[in-house]
PDB file of all heavy atoms in Angstrom:
ATOM      1  N   PHE A   1       0.859  -1.147   0.015  1.00  0.00           N
ATOM      2  CA  PHE A   1       0.017  -0.002   0.000  1.00  0.00           C
ATOM      3  C   PHE A   1       0.898   1.198   0.051  1.00  0.00           C
ATOM      4  O   PHE A   1       1.747   1.332   0.858  1.00  0.00           O
ATOM      5  CB  PHE A   1      -0.884   0.044   1.252  1.00  0.00           C
ATOM      6  CG  PHE A   1      -1.828  -1.163   1.324  1.00  0.00           C
ATOM      7  CD1 PHE A   1      -1.379  -2.297   1.995  1.00  0.00           C
ATOM      8  CD2 PHE A   1      -3.066  -1.111   0.830  1.00  0.00           C
ATOM      9  CE1 PHE A   1      -2.270  -3.393   2.078  1.00  0.00           C
ATOM     10  CE2 PHE A   1      -3.966  -2.166   0.939  1.00  0.00           C
ATOM     11  CZ  PHE A   1      -3.476  -3.347   1.555  1.00  0.00           C
ATOM     12  N   ASN A   2       0.708   2.146  -0.938  1.00  0.00           N
ATOM     13  CA  ASN A   2       1.602   3.255  -1.103  1.00  0.00           C
ATOM     14  C   ASN A   2       0.819   4.550  -0.874  1.00  0.00           C
ATOM     15  O   ASN A   2      -0.399   4.660  -0.953  1.00  0.00           O
ATOM     16  CB  ASN A   2       2.197   3.318  -2.506  1.00  0.00           C
ATOM     17  CG  ASN A   2       3.087   2.085  -2.730  1.00  0.00           C
ATOM     18  OD1 ASN A   2       4.087   1.916  -2.045  1.00  0.00           O
ATOM     19  ND2 ASN A   2       2.683   1.199  -3.652  1.00  0.00           N
ATOM     20  N   ASN A   3       1.643   5.612  -0.502  1.00  0.00           N
ATOM     21  CA  ASN A   3       1.058   6.928  -0.266  1.00  0.00           C
ATOM     22  C   ASN A   3       0.205   7.343  -1.529  1.00  0.00           C
ATOM     23  O   ASN A   3       0.607   7.285  -2.607  1.00  0.00           O
ATOM     24  CB  ASN A   3       2.214   7.944  -0.072  1.00  0.00           C
ATOM     25  CG  ASN A   3       1.795   9.308   0.379  1.00  0.00           C
ATOM     26  OD1 ASN A   3       0.980   9.364   1.344  1.00  0.00           O
ATOM     27  ND2 ASN A   3       2.160  10.280  -0.308  1.00  0.00           N
ATOM     28  N   GLY A   4      -1.006   7.770  -1.193  1.00  0.00           N
ATOM     29  CA  GLY A   4      -1.945   8.203  -2.263  1.00  0.00           C
ATOM     30  C   GLY A   4      -2.894   7.113  -2.737  1.00  0.00           C
ATOM     31  O   GLY A   4      -3.799   7.362  -3.472  1.00  0.00           O
ATOM     32  N   ASP A   5      -2.635   5.845  -2.341  1.00  0.00           N
ATOM     33  CA  ASP A   5      -3.576   4.737  -2.702  1.00  0.00           C
ATOM     34  C   ASP A   5      -4.855   4.944  -1.890  1.00  0.00           C
ATOM     35  O   ASP A   5      -4.921   5.684  -0.946  1.00  0.00           O
ATOM     36  CB  ASP A   5      -2.959   3.408  -2.344  1.00  0.00           C
ATOM     37  CG  ASP A   5      -1.840   2.932  -3.263  1.00  0.00           C
ATOM     38  OD1 ASP A   5      -1.540   3.721  -4.236  1.00  0.00           O
ATOM     39  OD2 ASP A   5      -1.256   1.963  -2.997  1.00  0.00           O
ATOM     40  N   TYR A   6      -5.899   4.215  -2.328  1.00  0.00           N
ATOM     41  CA  TYR A   6      -7.168   4.255  -1.644  1.00  0.00           C
ATOM     42  C   TYR A   6      -7.497   2.841  -1.156  1.00  0.00           C
ATOM     43  O   TYR A   6      -7.187   1.882  -1.913  1.00  0.00           O
ATOM     44  CB  TYR A   6      -8.282   4.836  -2.468  1.00  0.00           C
ATOM     45  CG  TYR A   6      -8.106   6.310  -2.665  1.00  0.00           C
ATOM     46  CD1 TYR A   6      -7.406   6.767  -3.784  1.00  0.00           C
ATOM     47  CD2 TYR A   6      -8.706   7.207  -1.859  1.00  0.00           C
ATOM     48  CE1 TYR A   6      -7.233   8.098  -4.029  1.00  0.00           C
ATOM     49  CE2 TYR A   6      -8.552   8.597  -2.100  1.00  0.00           C
ATOM     50  CZ  TYR A   6      -7.860   9.077  -3.185  1.00  0.00           C
ATOM     51  OH  TYR A   6      -7.676  10.395  -3.423  1.00  0.00           O
ATOM     52  N   VAL A   7      -8.254   2.737  -0.062  1.00  0.00           N
ATOM     53  CA  VAL A   7      -8.696   1.383   0.383  1.00  0.00           C
ATOM     54  C   VAL A   7     -10.190   1.493   0.698  1.00  0.00           C
ATOM     55  O   VAL A   7     -10.648   2.532   1.232  1.00  0.00           O
ATOM     56  CB  VAL A   7      -7.924   0.887   1.559  1.00  0.00           C
ATOM     57  CG1 VAL A   7      -6.509   0.460   1.110  1.00  0.00           C
ATOM     58  CG2 VAL A   7      -7.908   1.802   2.710  1.00  0.00           C
ATOM     59  N   LEU A   8     -10.952   0.471   0.443  1.00  0.00           N
ATOM     60  CA  LEU A   8     -12.358   0.364   0.863  1.00  0.00           C
ATOM     61  C   LEU A   8     -12.293  -0.480   2.076  1.00  0.00           C
ATOM     62  O   LEU A   8     -11.817  -1.652   2.080  1.00  0.00           O
ATOM     63  CB  LEU A   8     -13.135  -0.279  -0.247  1.00  0.00           C
ATOM     64  CG  LEU A   8     -14.659  -0.574   0.080  1.00  0.00           C
ATOM     65  CD1 LEU A   8     -15.403   0.743   0.272  1.00  0.00           C
ATOM     66  CD2 LEU A   8     -15.292  -1.440  -0.954  1.00  0.00           C
ATOM     67  N   VAL A   9     -12.812  -0.020   3.199  1.00  0.00           N
ATOM     68  CA  VAL A   9     -12.917  -0.753   4.476  1.00  0.00           C
ATOM     69  C   VAL A   9     -14.303  -0.940   4.968  1.00  0.00           C
ATOM     70  O   VAL A   9     -15.162  -0.119   4.645  1.00  0.00           O
ATOM     71  CB  VAL A   9     -12.056  -0.075   5.564  1.00  0.00           C
ATOM     72  CG1 VAL A   9     -10.564   0.104   5.140  1.00  0.00           C
ATOM     73  CG2 VAL A   9     -12.553   1.339   5.929  1.00  0.00           C
ATOM     74  N   SER A  10     -14.468  -1.952   5.795  1.00  0.00           N
ATOM     75  CA  SER A  10     -15.724  -2.273   6.349  1.00  0.00           C
ATOM     76  C   SER A  10     -15.539  -2.869   7.751  1.00  0.00           C
ATOM     77  O   SER A  10     -14.601  -3.582   7.972  1.00  0.00           O
ATOM     78  CB  SER A  10     -16.546  -3.245   5.482  1.00  0.00           C
ATOM     79  OG  SER A  10     -17.739  -3.644   6.117  1.00  0.00           O
ATOM     80  N   ARG A  11     -16.480  -2.597   8.678  1.00  0.00           N
ATOM     81  CA  ARG A  11     -16.442  -3.238  10.037  1.00  0.00           C
ATOM     82  C   ARG A  11     -17.085  -4.645   9.966  1.00  0.00           C
ATOM     83  O   ARG A  11     -16.961  -5.379  10.897  1.00  0.00           O
ATOM     84  CB  ARG A  11     -17.198  -2.363  10.951  1.00  0.00           C
ATOM     85  CG  ARG A  11     -16.359  -1.180  11.381  1.00  0.00           C
ATOM     86  CD  ARG A  11     -17.017  -0.418  12.603  1.00  0.00           C
ATOM     87  NE  ARG A  11     -17.192  -1.180  13.788  1.00  0.00           N
ATOM     88  CZ  ARG A  11     -16.295  -1.427  14.749  1.00  0.00           C
ATOM     89  NH1 ARG A  11     -15.051  -0.965  14.567  1.00  0.00           N
ATOM     90  NH2 ARG A  11     -16.560  -2.113  15.834  1.00  0.00           N
ATOM     91  N   LEU A  12     -17.727  -4.980   8.855  1.00  0.00           N
ATOM     92  CA  LEU A  12     -18.394  -6.257   8.783  1.00  0.00           C
ATOM     93  C   LEU A  12     -17.516  -7.472   9.097  1.00  0.00           C
ATOM     94  O   LEU A  12     -17.950  -8.327   9.926  1.00  0.00           O
ATOM     95  CB  LEU A  12     -19.098  -6.432   7.364  1.00  0.00           C
ATOM     96  CG  LEU A  12     -20.110  -7.514   7.254  1.00  0.00           C
ATOM     97  CD1 LEU A  12     -21.223  -7.391   8.246  1.00  0.00           C
ATOM     98  CD2 LEU A  12     -20.629  -7.539   5.836  1.00  0.00           C
ATOM     99  N   PRO A  13     -16.270  -7.598   8.542  1.00  0.00           N
ATOM    100  CA  PRO A  13     -15.489  -8.713   8.954  1.00  0.00           C
ATOM    101  C   PRO A  13     -15.140  -8.775  10.438  1.00  0.00           C
ATOM    102  O   PRO A  13     -15.033  -9.809  11.009  1.00  0.00           O
ATOM    103  CB  PRO A  13     -14.168  -8.485   8.141  1.00  0.00           C
ATOM    104  CG  PRO A  13     -14.608  -7.696   6.953  1.00  0.00           C
ATOM    105  CD  PRO A  13     -15.678  -6.762   7.497  1.00  0.00           C
ATOM    106  N   LEU A  14     -15.028  -7.581  11.026  1.00  0.00           N
ATOM    107  CA  LEU A  14     -14.788  -7.500  12.475  1.00  0.00           C
ATOM    108  C   LEU A  14     -16.043  -8.047  13.251  1.00  0.00           C
ATOM    109  O   LEU A  14     -15.924  -8.827  14.173  1.00  0.00           O
ATOM    110  CB  LEU A  14     -14.479  -6.091  12.882  1.00  0.00           C
ATOM    111  CG  LEU A  14     -14.031  -5.795  14.289  1.00  0.00           C
ATOM    112  CD1 LEU A  14     -12.693  -6.454  14.616  1.00  0.00           C
ATOM    113  CD2 LEU A  14     -14.025  -4.342  14.609  1.00  0.00           C
ATOM    114  N   ILE A  15     -17.199  -7.577  12.863  1.00  0.00           N
ATOM    115  CA  ILE A  15     -18.461  -7.962  13.514  1.00  0.00           C
ATOM    116  C   ILE A  15     -18.680  -9.477  13.359  1.00  0.00           C
ATOM    117  O   ILE A  15     -19.139 -10.096  14.279  1.00  0.00           O
ATOM    118  CB  ILE A  15     -19.656  -7.131  12.892  1.00  0.00           C
ATOM    119  CG1 ILE A  15     -19.524  -5.683  13.234  1.00  0.00           C
ATOM    120  CG2 ILE A  15     -21.013  -7.758  13.319  1.00  0.00           C
ATOM    121  CD1 ILE A  15     -20.415  -4.713  12.453  1.00  0.00           C
ATOM    122  N   LEU A  16     -18.338 -10.007  12.215  1.00  0.00           N
ATOM    123  CA  LEU A  16     -18.532 -11.462  11.984  1.00  0.00           C
ATOM    124  C   LEU A  16     -17.405 -12.335  12.446  1.00  0.00           C
ATOM    125  O   LEU A  16     -17.460 -13.529  12.331  1.00  0.00           O
ATOM    126  CB  LEU A  16     -18.718 -11.712  10.398  1.00  0.00           C
ATOM    127  CG  LEU A  16     -19.947 -10.987   9.775  1.00  0.00           C
ATOM    128  CD1 LEU A  16     -19.912 -11.253   8.254  1.00  0.00           C
ATOM    129  CD2 LEU A  16     -21.186 -11.560  10.443  1.00  0.00           C
ATOM    130  N   GLY A  17     -16.423 -11.721  13.098  1.00  0.00           N
ATOM    131  CA  GLY A  17     -15.313 -12.499  13.642  1.00  0.00           C
ATOM    132  C   GLY A  17     -14.364 -13.087  12.606  1.00  0.00           C
ATOM    133  O   GLY A  17     -13.663 -14.065  12.811  1.00  0.00           O
ATOM    134  N   MET A  18     -14.276 -12.423  11.441  1.00  0.00           N
ATOM    135  CA  MET A  18     -13.435 -12.947  10.293  1.00  0.00           C
ATOM    136  C   MET A  18     -12.019 -12.404  10.359  1.00  0.00           C
ATOM    137  O   MET A  18     -11.240 -12.769   9.531  1.00  0.00           O
ATOM    138  CB  MET A  18     -14.118 -12.667   8.993  1.00  0.00           C
ATOM    139  CG  MET A  18     -15.495 -13.290   8.868  1.00  0.00           C
ATOM    140  SD  MET A  18     -16.438 -12.644   7.436  1.00  0.00           S
ATOM    141  CE  MET A  18     -15.398 -13.005   6.100  1.00  0.00           C
ATOM    142  N   VAL A  19     -11.746 -11.432  11.222  1.00  0.00           N
ATOM    143  CA  VAL A  19     -10.422 -10.794  11.260  1.00  0.00           C
ATOM    144  C   VAL A  19      -9.490 -11.792  11.947  1.00  0.00           C
ATOM    145  O   VAL A  19      -9.835 -12.343  13.025  1.00  0.00           O
ATOM    146  CB  VAL A  19     -10.456  -9.479  12.040  1.00  0.00           C
ATOM    147  CG1 VAL A  19      -9.046  -8.965  12.268  1.00  0.00           C
ATOM    148  CG2 VAL A  19     -11.300  -8.470  11.311  1.00  0.00           C
ATOM    149  N   LYS A  20      -8.349 -12.047  11.339  1.00  0.00           N
ATOM    150  CA  LYS A  20      -7.360 -12.964  11.922  1.00  0.00           C
ATOM    151  C   LYS A  20      -5.947 -12.343  11.714  1.00  0.00           C
ATOM    152  O   LYS A  20      -5.794 -11.275  11.134  1.00  0.00           O
ATOM    153  CB  LYS A  20      -7.491 -14.336  11.238  1.00  0.00           C
ATOM    154  CG  LYS A  20      -7.343 -14.265   9.734  1.00  0.00           C
ATOM    155  CD  LYS A  20      -7.700 -15.619   9.109  1.00  0.00           C
ATOM    156  CE  LYS A  20      -7.598 -15.415   7.598  1.00  0.00           C
ATOM    157  NZ  LYS A  20      -8.176 -16.491   6.889  1.00  0.00           N
ATOM    158  N   LYS A  21      -4.947 -13.069  12.203  1.00  0.00           N
ATOM    159  CA  LYS A  21      -3.601 -12.654  12.016  1.00  0.00           C
ATOM    160  C   LYS A  21      -3.276 -12.365  10.523  1.00  0.00           C
ATOM    161  O   LYS A  21      -3.749 -13.151   9.685  1.00  0.00           O
ATOM    162  CB  LYS A  21      -2.621 -13.682  12.595  1.00  0.00           C
ATOM    163  CG  LYS A  21      -1.220 -13.298  12.654  1.00  0.00           C
ATOM    164  CD  LYS A  21      -0.402 -14.320  13.403  1.00  0.00           C
ATOM    165  CE  LYS A  21       1.073 -13.877  13.461  1.00  0.00           C
ATOM    166  NZ  LYS A  21       1.922 -14.731  14.180  1.00  0.00           N
ATOM    167  N   ASN A  22      -2.544 -11.311  10.225  1.00  0.00           N
ATOM    168  CA  ASN A  22      -2.198 -10.887   8.920  1.00  0.00           C
ATOM    169  C   ASN A  22      -3.318 -10.187   8.125  1.00  0.00           C
ATOM    170  O   ASN A  22      -3.069  -9.740   7.021  1.00  0.00           O
ATOM    171  CB  ASN A  22      -1.600 -12.064   8.053  1.00  0.00           C
ATOM    172  CG  ASN A  22      -0.317 -12.527   8.599  1.00  0.00           C
ATOM    173  OD1 ASN A  22       0.469 -11.824   9.052  1.00  0.00           O
ATOM    174  ND2 ASN A  22      -0.127 -13.881   8.578  1.00  0.00           N
ATOM    175  N   SER A  23      -4.482 -10.009   8.728  1.00  0.00           N
ATOM    176  CA  SER A  23      -5.497  -9.203   8.085  1.00  0.00           C
ATOM    177  C   SER A  23      -4.992  -7.744   8.134  1.00  0.00           C
ATOM    178  O   SER A  23      -4.251  -7.353   9.038  1.00  0.00           O
ATOM    179  CB  SER A  23      -6.827  -9.238   8.897  1.00  0.00           C
ATOM    180  OG  SER A  23      -7.415 -10.541   8.880  1.00  0.00           O
ATOM    181  N   ILE A  24      -5.467  -6.964   7.138  1.00  0.00           N
ATOM    182  CA  ILE A  24      -5.092  -5.540   7.092  1.00  0.00           C
ATOM    183  C   ILE A  24      -6.253  -4.721   7.640  1.00  0.00           C
ATOM    184  O   ILE A  24      -7.348  -4.786   7.025  1.00  0.00           O
ATOM    185  CB  ILE A  24      -4.714  -5.115   5.673  1.00  0.00           C
ATOM    186  CG1 ILE A  24      -3.645  -6.002   5.090  1.00  0.00           C
ATOM    187  CG2 ILE A  24      -4.283  -3.641   5.648  1.00  0.00           C
ATOM    188  CD1 ILE A  24      -2.263  -5.918   5.771  1.00  0.00           C
ATOM    189  N   LEU A  25      -6.025  -3.941   8.687  1.00  0.00           N
ATOM    190  CA  LEU A  25      -7.074  -3.114   9.284  1.00  0.00           C
ATOM    191  C   LEU A  25      -6.693  -1.655   9.308  1.00  0.00           C
ATOM    192  O   LEU A  25      -5.501  -1.276   9.244  1.00  0.00           O
ATOM    193  CB  LEU A  25      -7.307  -3.579  10.710  1.00  0.00           C
ATOM    194  CG  LEU A  25      -7.753  -5.004  10.999  1.00  0.00           C
ATOM    195  CD1 LEU A  25      -7.991  -5.180  12.509  1.00  0.00           C
ATOM    196  CD2 LEU A  25      -8.949  -5.386  10.192  1.00  0.00           C
ATOM    197  N   VAL A  26      -7.682  -0.815   9.326  1.00  0.00           N
ATOM    198  CA  VAL A  26      -7.507   0.609   9.533  1.00  0.00           C
ATOM    199  C   VAL A  26      -8.064   0.920  10.900  1.00  0.00           C
ATOM    200  O   VAL A  26      -9.139   0.450  11.220  1.00  0.00           O
ATOM    201  CB  VAL A  26      -8.245   1.463   8.411  1.00  0.00           C
ATOM    202  CG1 VAL A  26      -8.112   2.906   8.639  1.00  0.00           C
ATOM    203  CG2 VAL A  26      -7.633   1.111   7.030  1.00  0.00           C
ATOM    204  N   PHE A  27      -7.355   1.698  11.672  1.00  0.00           N
ATOM    205  CA  PHE A  27      -7.776   1.963  13.088  1.00  0.00           C
ATOM    206  C   PHE A  27      -7.263   3.372  13.514  1.00  0.00           C
ATOM    207  O   PHE A  27      -6.467   3.945  12.864  1.00  0.00           O
ATOM    208  CB  PHE A  27      -7.257   0.894  14.048  1.00  0.00           C
ATOM    209  CG  PHE A  27      -5.766   0.767  14.024  1.00  0.00           C
ATOM    210  CD1 PHE A  27      -4.993   1.438  14.938  1.00  0.00           C
ATOM    211  CD2 PHE A  27      -5.082  -0.044  13.078  1.00  0.00           C
ATOM    212  CE1 PHE A  27      -3.597   1.313  14.963  1.00  0.00           C
ATOM    213  CE2 PHE A  27      -3.687  -0.163  13.104  1.00  0.00           C
ATOM    214  CZ  PHE A  27      -2.966   0.497  14.037  1.00  0.00           C
ATOM    215  N   LYS A  28      -7.914   3.827  14.598  1.00  0.00           N
ATOM    216  CA  LYS A  28      -7.512   5.092  15.174  1.00  0.00           C
ATOM    217  C   LYS A  28      -6.586   4.847  16.346  1.00  0.00           C
ATOM    218  O   LYS A  28      -6.845   4.064  17.211  1.00  0.00           O
ATOM    219  CB  LYS A  28      -8.755   5.807  15.742  1.00  0.00           C
ATOM    220  CG  LYS A  28      -9.689   6.204  14.664  1.00  0.00           C
ATOM    221  CD  LYS A  28     -10.919   6.870  15.317  1.00  0.00           C
ATOM    222  CE  LYS A  28     -12.022   7.100  14.287  1.00  0.00           C
ATOM    223  NZ  LYS A  28     -13.273   7.562  14.918  1.00  0.00           N
ATOM    224  N   SER A  29      -5.433   5.548  16.316  1.00  0.00           N
ATOM    225  CA  SER A  29      -4.436   5.553  17.398  1.00  0.00           C
ATOM    226  C   SER A  29      -4.495   6.904  18.097  1.00  0.00           C
ATOM    227  O   SER A  29      -4.400   7.910  17.396  1.00  0.00           O
ATOM    228  CB  SER A  29      -3.089   5.275  16.885  1.00  0.00           C
ATOM    229  OG  SER A  29      -2.062   5.614  17.808  1.00  0.00           O
ATOM    230  N   ALA A  30      -4.548   6.918  19.432  1.00  0.00           N
ATOM    231  CA  ALA A  30      -4.615   8.243  20.125  1.00  0.00           C
ATOM    232  C   ALA A  30      -3.329   9.009  19.877  1.00  0.00           C
ATOM    233  O   ALA A  30      -3.355  10.265  19.765  1.00  0.00           O
ATOM    234  CB  ALA A  30      -4.762   7.973  21.650  1.00  0.00           C
ATOM    235  N   GLU A  31      -2.238   8.339  19.692  1.00  0.00           N
ATOM    236  CA  GLU A  31      -0.935   9.019  19.487  1.00  0.00           C
ATOM    237  C   GLU A  31      -0.627   9.327  18.037  1.00  0.00           C
ATOM    238  O   GLU A  31      -0.024  10.313  17.686  1.00  0.00           O
ATOM    239  CB  GLU A  31       0.208   8.172  20.056  1.00  0.00           C
ATOM    240  CG  GLU A  31       1.523   8.867  20.153  1.00  0.00           C
ATOM    241  CD  GLU A  31       2.558   8.174  20.951  1.00  0.00           C
ATOM    242  OE1 GLU A  31       2.195   7.189  21.660  1.00  0.00           O
ATOM    243  OE2 GLU A  31       3.692   8.544  20.800  1.00  0.00           O
ATOM    244  N   TYR A  32      -0.993   8.457  17.117  1.00  0.00           N
ATOM    245  CA  TYR A  32      -0.589   8.518  15.695  1.00  0.00           C
ATOM    246  C   TYR A  32      -1.657   8.821  14.731  1.00  0.00           C
ATOM    247  O   TYR A  32      -1.436   8.961  13.547  1.00  0.00           O
ATOM    248  CB  TYR A  32       0.164   7.238  15.317  1.00  0.00           C
ATOM    249  CG  TYR A  32       1.367   6.924  16.139  1.00  0.00           C
ATOM    250  CD1 TYR A  32       1.340   5.901  17.058  1.00  0.00           C
ATOM    251  CD2 TYR A  32       2.538   7.666  16.030  1.00  0.00           C
ATOM    252  CE1 TYR A  32       2.428   5.613  17.871  1.00  0.00           C
ATOM    253  CE2 TYR A  32       3.654   7.384  16.826  1.00  0.00           C
ATOM    254  CZ  TYR A  32       3.564   6.441  17.746  1.00  0.00           C
ATOM    255  OH  TYR A  32       4.692   6.144  18.526  1.00  0.00           O
ATOM    256  N   GLY A  33      -2.909   8.936  15.119  1.00  0.00           N
ATOM    257  CA  GLY A  33      -4.064   9.206  14.261  1.00  0.00           C
ATOM    258  C   GLY A  33      -4.555   7.958  13.569  1.00  0.00           C
ATOM    259  O   GLY A  33      -4.443   6.809  14.093  1.00  0.00           O
ATOM    260  N   ILE A  34      -4.984   8.064  12.368  1.00  0.00           N
ATOM    261  CA  ILE A  34      -5.555   6.917  11.644  1.00  0.00           C
ATOM    262  C   ILE A  34      -4.395   6.146  10.936  1.00  0.00           C
ATOM    263  O   ILE A  34      -3.567   6.769  10.249  1.00  0.00           O
ATOM    264  CB  ILE A  34      -6.592   7.355  10.555  1.00  0.00           C
ATOM    265  CG1 ILE A  34      -7.819   7.912  11.341  1.00  0.00           C
ATOM    266  CG2 ILE A  34      -7.057   6.171   9.729  1.00  0.00           C
ATOM    267  CD1 ILE A  34      -8.888   8.466  10.447  1.00  0.00           C
ATOM    268  N   LEU A  35      -4.342   4.853  11.230  1.00  0.00           N
ATOM    269  CA  LEU A  35      -3.200   4.040  10.667  1.00  0.00           C
ATOM    270  C   LEU A  35      -3.863   2.829   9.857  1.00  0.00           C
ATOM    271  O   LEU A  35      -4.937   2.390  10.222  1.00  0.00           O
ATOM    272  CB  LEU A  35      -2.369   3.519  11.803  1.00  0.00           C
ATOM    273  CG  LEU A  35      -1.640   4.488  12.620  1.00  0.00           C
ATOM    274  CD1 LEU A  35      -0.958   3.834  13.838  1.00  0.00           C
ATOM    275  CD2 LEU A  35      -0.612   5.277  11.773  1.00  0.00           C
ATOM    276  N   ILE A  36      -3.019   2.315   8.955  1.00  0.00           N
ATOM    277  CA  ILE A  36      -3.366   1.108   8.265  1.00  0.00           C
ATOM    278  C   ILE A  36      -2.184   0.158   8.521  1.00  0.00           C
ATOM    279  O   ILE A  36      -1.040   0.539   8.317  1.00  0.00           O
ATOM    280  CB  ILE A  36      -3.610   1.281   6.718  1.00  0.00           C
ATOM    281  CG1 ILE A  36      -3.800  -0.044   6.051  1.00  0.00           C
ATOM    282  CG2 ILE A  36      -2.441   2.001   6.093  1.00  0.00           C
ATOM    283  CD1 ILE A  36      -4.263   0.061   4.593  1.00  0.00           C
ATOM    284  N   LYS A  37      -2.468  -1.045   9.106  1.00  0.00           N
ATOM    285  CA  LYS A  37      -1.412  -1.969   9.508  1.00  0.00           C
ATOM    286  C   LYS A  37      -1.916  -3.397   9.356  1.00  0.00           C
ATOM    287  O   LYS A  37      -3.108  -3.683   9.286  1.00  0.00           O
ATOM    288  CB  LYS A  37      -1.001  -1.773  10.951  1.00  0.00           C
ATOM    289  CG  LYS A  37      -0.482  -0.384  11.246  1.00  0.00           C
ATOM    290  CD  LYS A  37       0.921  -0.143  10.708  1.00  0.00           C
ATOM    291  CE  LYS A  37       1.414   1.245  11.013  1.00  0.00           C
ATOM    292  NZ  LYS A  37       2.440   1.618  10.137  1.00  0.00           N
ATOM    293  N   LYS A  38      -1.012  -4.313   9.472  1.00  0.00           N
ATOM    294  CA  LYS A  38      -1.224  -5.744   9.462  1.00  0.00           C
ATOM    295  C   LYS A  38      -1.369  -6.164  10.906  1.00  0.00           C
ATOM    296  O   LYS A  38      -0.600  -5.912  11.714  1.00  0.00           O
ATOM    297  CB  LYS A  38      -0.169  -6.442   8.736  1.00  0.00           C
ATOM    298  CG  LYS A  38      -0.311  -7.965   8.616  1.00  0.00           C
ATOM    299  CD  LYS A  38       0.708  -8.576   7.708  1.00  0.00           C
ATOM    300  CE  LYS A  38       2.118  -8.320   8.079  1.00  0.00           C
ATOM    301  NZ  LYS A  38       3.078  -9.159   7.344  1.00  0.00           N
ATOM    302  N   VAL A  39      -2.376  -7.041  11.085  1.00  0.00           N
ATOM    303  CA  VAL A  39      -2.638  -7.635  12.432  1.00  0.00           C
ATOM    304  C   VAL A  39      -1.470  -8.662  12.738  1.00  0.00           C
ATOM    305  O   VAL A  39      -1.228  -9.548  11.967  1.00  0.00           O
ATOM    306  CB  VAL A  39      -3.966  -8.387  12.515  1.00  0.00           C
ATOM    307  CG1 VAL A  39      -4.171  -9.042  13.899  1.00  0.00           C
ATOM    308  CG2 VAL A  39      -5.141  -7.408  12.301  1.00  0.00           C
ATOM    309  N   SER A  40      -0.878  -8.385  13.870  1.00  0.00           N
ATOM    310  CA  SER A  40       0.216  -9.400  14.287  1.00  0.00           C
ATOM    311  C   SER A  40      -0.278 -10.365  15.335  1.00  0.00           C
ATOM    312  O   SER A  40       0.265 -11.438  15.513  1.00  0.00           O
ATOM    313  CB  SER A  40       1.469  -8.608  14.779  1.00  0.00           C
ATOM    314  OG  SER A  40       1.187  -7.820  15.879  1.00  0.00           O
ATOM    315  N   ASP A  41      -1.311  -9.934  16.118  1.00  0.00           N
ATOM    316  CA  ASP A  41      -1.852 -10.819  17.132  1.00  0.00           C
ATOM    317  C   ASP A  41      -3.180 -10.233  17.638  1.00  0.00           C
ATOM    318  O   ASP A  41      -3.457  -9.051  17.513  1.00  0.00           O
ATOM    319  CB  ASP A  41      -0.886 -10.895  18.362  1.00  0.00           C
ATOM    320  CG  ASP A  41      -1.113 -12.062  19.269  1.00  0.00           C
ATOM    321  OD1 ASP A  41      -1.883 -12.925  18.875  1.00  0.00           O
ATOM    322  OD2 ASP A  41      -0.581 -12.065  20.382  1.00  0.00           O
ATOM    323  N   ILE A  42      -4.063 -11.150  18.203  1.00  0.00           N
ATOM    324  CA  ILE A  42      -5.305 -10.686  18.709  1.00  0.00           C
ATOM    325  C   ILE A  42      -5.550 -11.332  20.019  1.00  0.00           C
ATOM    326  O   ILE A  42      -5.378 -12.560  20.194  1.00  0.00           O
ATOM    327  CB  ILE A  42      -6.504 -11.143  17.753  1.00  0.00           C
ATOM    328  CG1 ILE A  42      -6.273 -10.542  16.320  1.00  0.00           C
ATOM    329  CG2 ILE A  42      -7.837 -10.674  18.327  1.00  0.00           C
ATOM    330  CD1 ILE A  42      -7.210 -11.128  15.267  1.00  0.00           C
ATOM    331  N   ASP A  43      -5.979 -10.530  21.013  1.00  0.00           N
ATOM    332  CA  ASP A  43      -6.379 -11.033  22.342  1.00  0.00           C
ATOM    333  C   ASP A  43      -7.908 -10.956  22.290  1.00  0.00           C
ATOM    334  O   ASP A  43      -8.482  -9.917  22.601  1.00  0.00           O
ATOM    335  CB  ASP A  43      -5.804 -10.228  23.434  1.00  0.00           C
ATOM    336  CG  ASP A  43      -6.205 -10.742  24.840  1.00  0.00           C
ATOM    337  OD1 ASP A  43      -7.243 -11.454  24.923  1.00  0.00           O
ATOM    338  OD2 ASP A  43      -5.496 -10.441  25.830  1.00  0.00           O
ATOM    339  N   ARG A  44      -8.560 -12.017  21.872  1.00  0.00           N
ATOM    340  CA  ARG A  44     -10.020 -12.046  21.725  1.00  0.00           C
ATOM    341  C   ARG A  44     -10.790 -11.859  23.023  1.00  0.00           C
ATOM    342  O   ARG A  44     -11.840 -11.329  23.056  1.00  0.00           O
ATOM    343  CB  ARG A  44     -10.493 -13.215  20.977  1.00  0.00           C
ATOM    344  CG  ARG A  44      -9.908 -13.310  19.547  1.00  0.00           C
ATOM    345  CD  ARG A  44     -10.653 -14.295  18.629  1.00  0.00           C
ATOM    346  NE  ARG A  44      -9.981 -14.440  17.402  1.00  0.00           N
ATOM    347  CZ  ARG A  44     -10.221 -13.579  16.319  1.00  0.00           C
ATOM    348  NH1 ARG A  44     -11.012 -12.653  16.407  1.00  0.00           N
ATOM    349  NH2 ARG A  44      -9.532 -13.769  15.162  1.00  0.00           N
ATOM    350  N   LEU A  45     -10.192 -12.336  24.114  1.00  0.00           N
ATOM    351  CA  LEU A  45     -10.853 -12.208  25.455  1.00  0.00           C
ATOM    352  C   LEU A  45     -10.979 -10.734  25.837  1.00  0.00           C
ATOM    353  O   LEU A  45     -11.954 -10.337  26.395  1.00  0.00           O
ATOM    354  CB  LEU A  45     -10.127 -12.974  26.495  1.00  0.00           C
ATOM    355  CG  LEU A  45     -10.092 -14.517  26.375  1.00  0.00           C
ATOM    356  CD1 LEU A  45      -9.263 -15.157  27.392  1.00  0.00           C
ATOM    357  CD2 LEU A  45     -11.523 -15.006  26.461  1.00  0.00           C
ATOM    358  N   LYS A  46      -9.928 -10.009  25.595  1.00  0.00           N
ATOM    359  CA  LYS A  46      -9.926  -8.532  25.970  1.00  0.00           C
ATOM    360  C   LYS A  46     -10.323  -7.654  24.826  1.00  0.00           C
ATOM    361  O   LYS A  46     -10.475  -6.437  25.057  1.00  0.00           O
ATOM    362  CB  LYS A  46      -8.590  -8.135  26.526  1.00  0.00           C
ATOM    363  CG  LYS A  46      -8.191  -8.838  27.784  1.00  0.00           C
ATOM    364  CD  LYS A  46      -6.833  -8.383  28.249  1.00  0.00           C
ATOM    365  CE  LYS A  46      -6.457  -9.134  29.550  1.00  0.00           C
ATOM    366  NZ  LYS A  46      -5.177  -8.657  30.017  1.00  0.00           N
TER     367      LYS A  46
END
């Protein structure tokens, strides 16, 4: 993914529990703003 590219995102995979390691997500970070990154691990209990 390069600067200036566009991505279509949806919460549906998250709601359906389809997100797993290596999925690419967009999220809000209090310190860094909106980021796009690869999932390295998930603590489903928390």
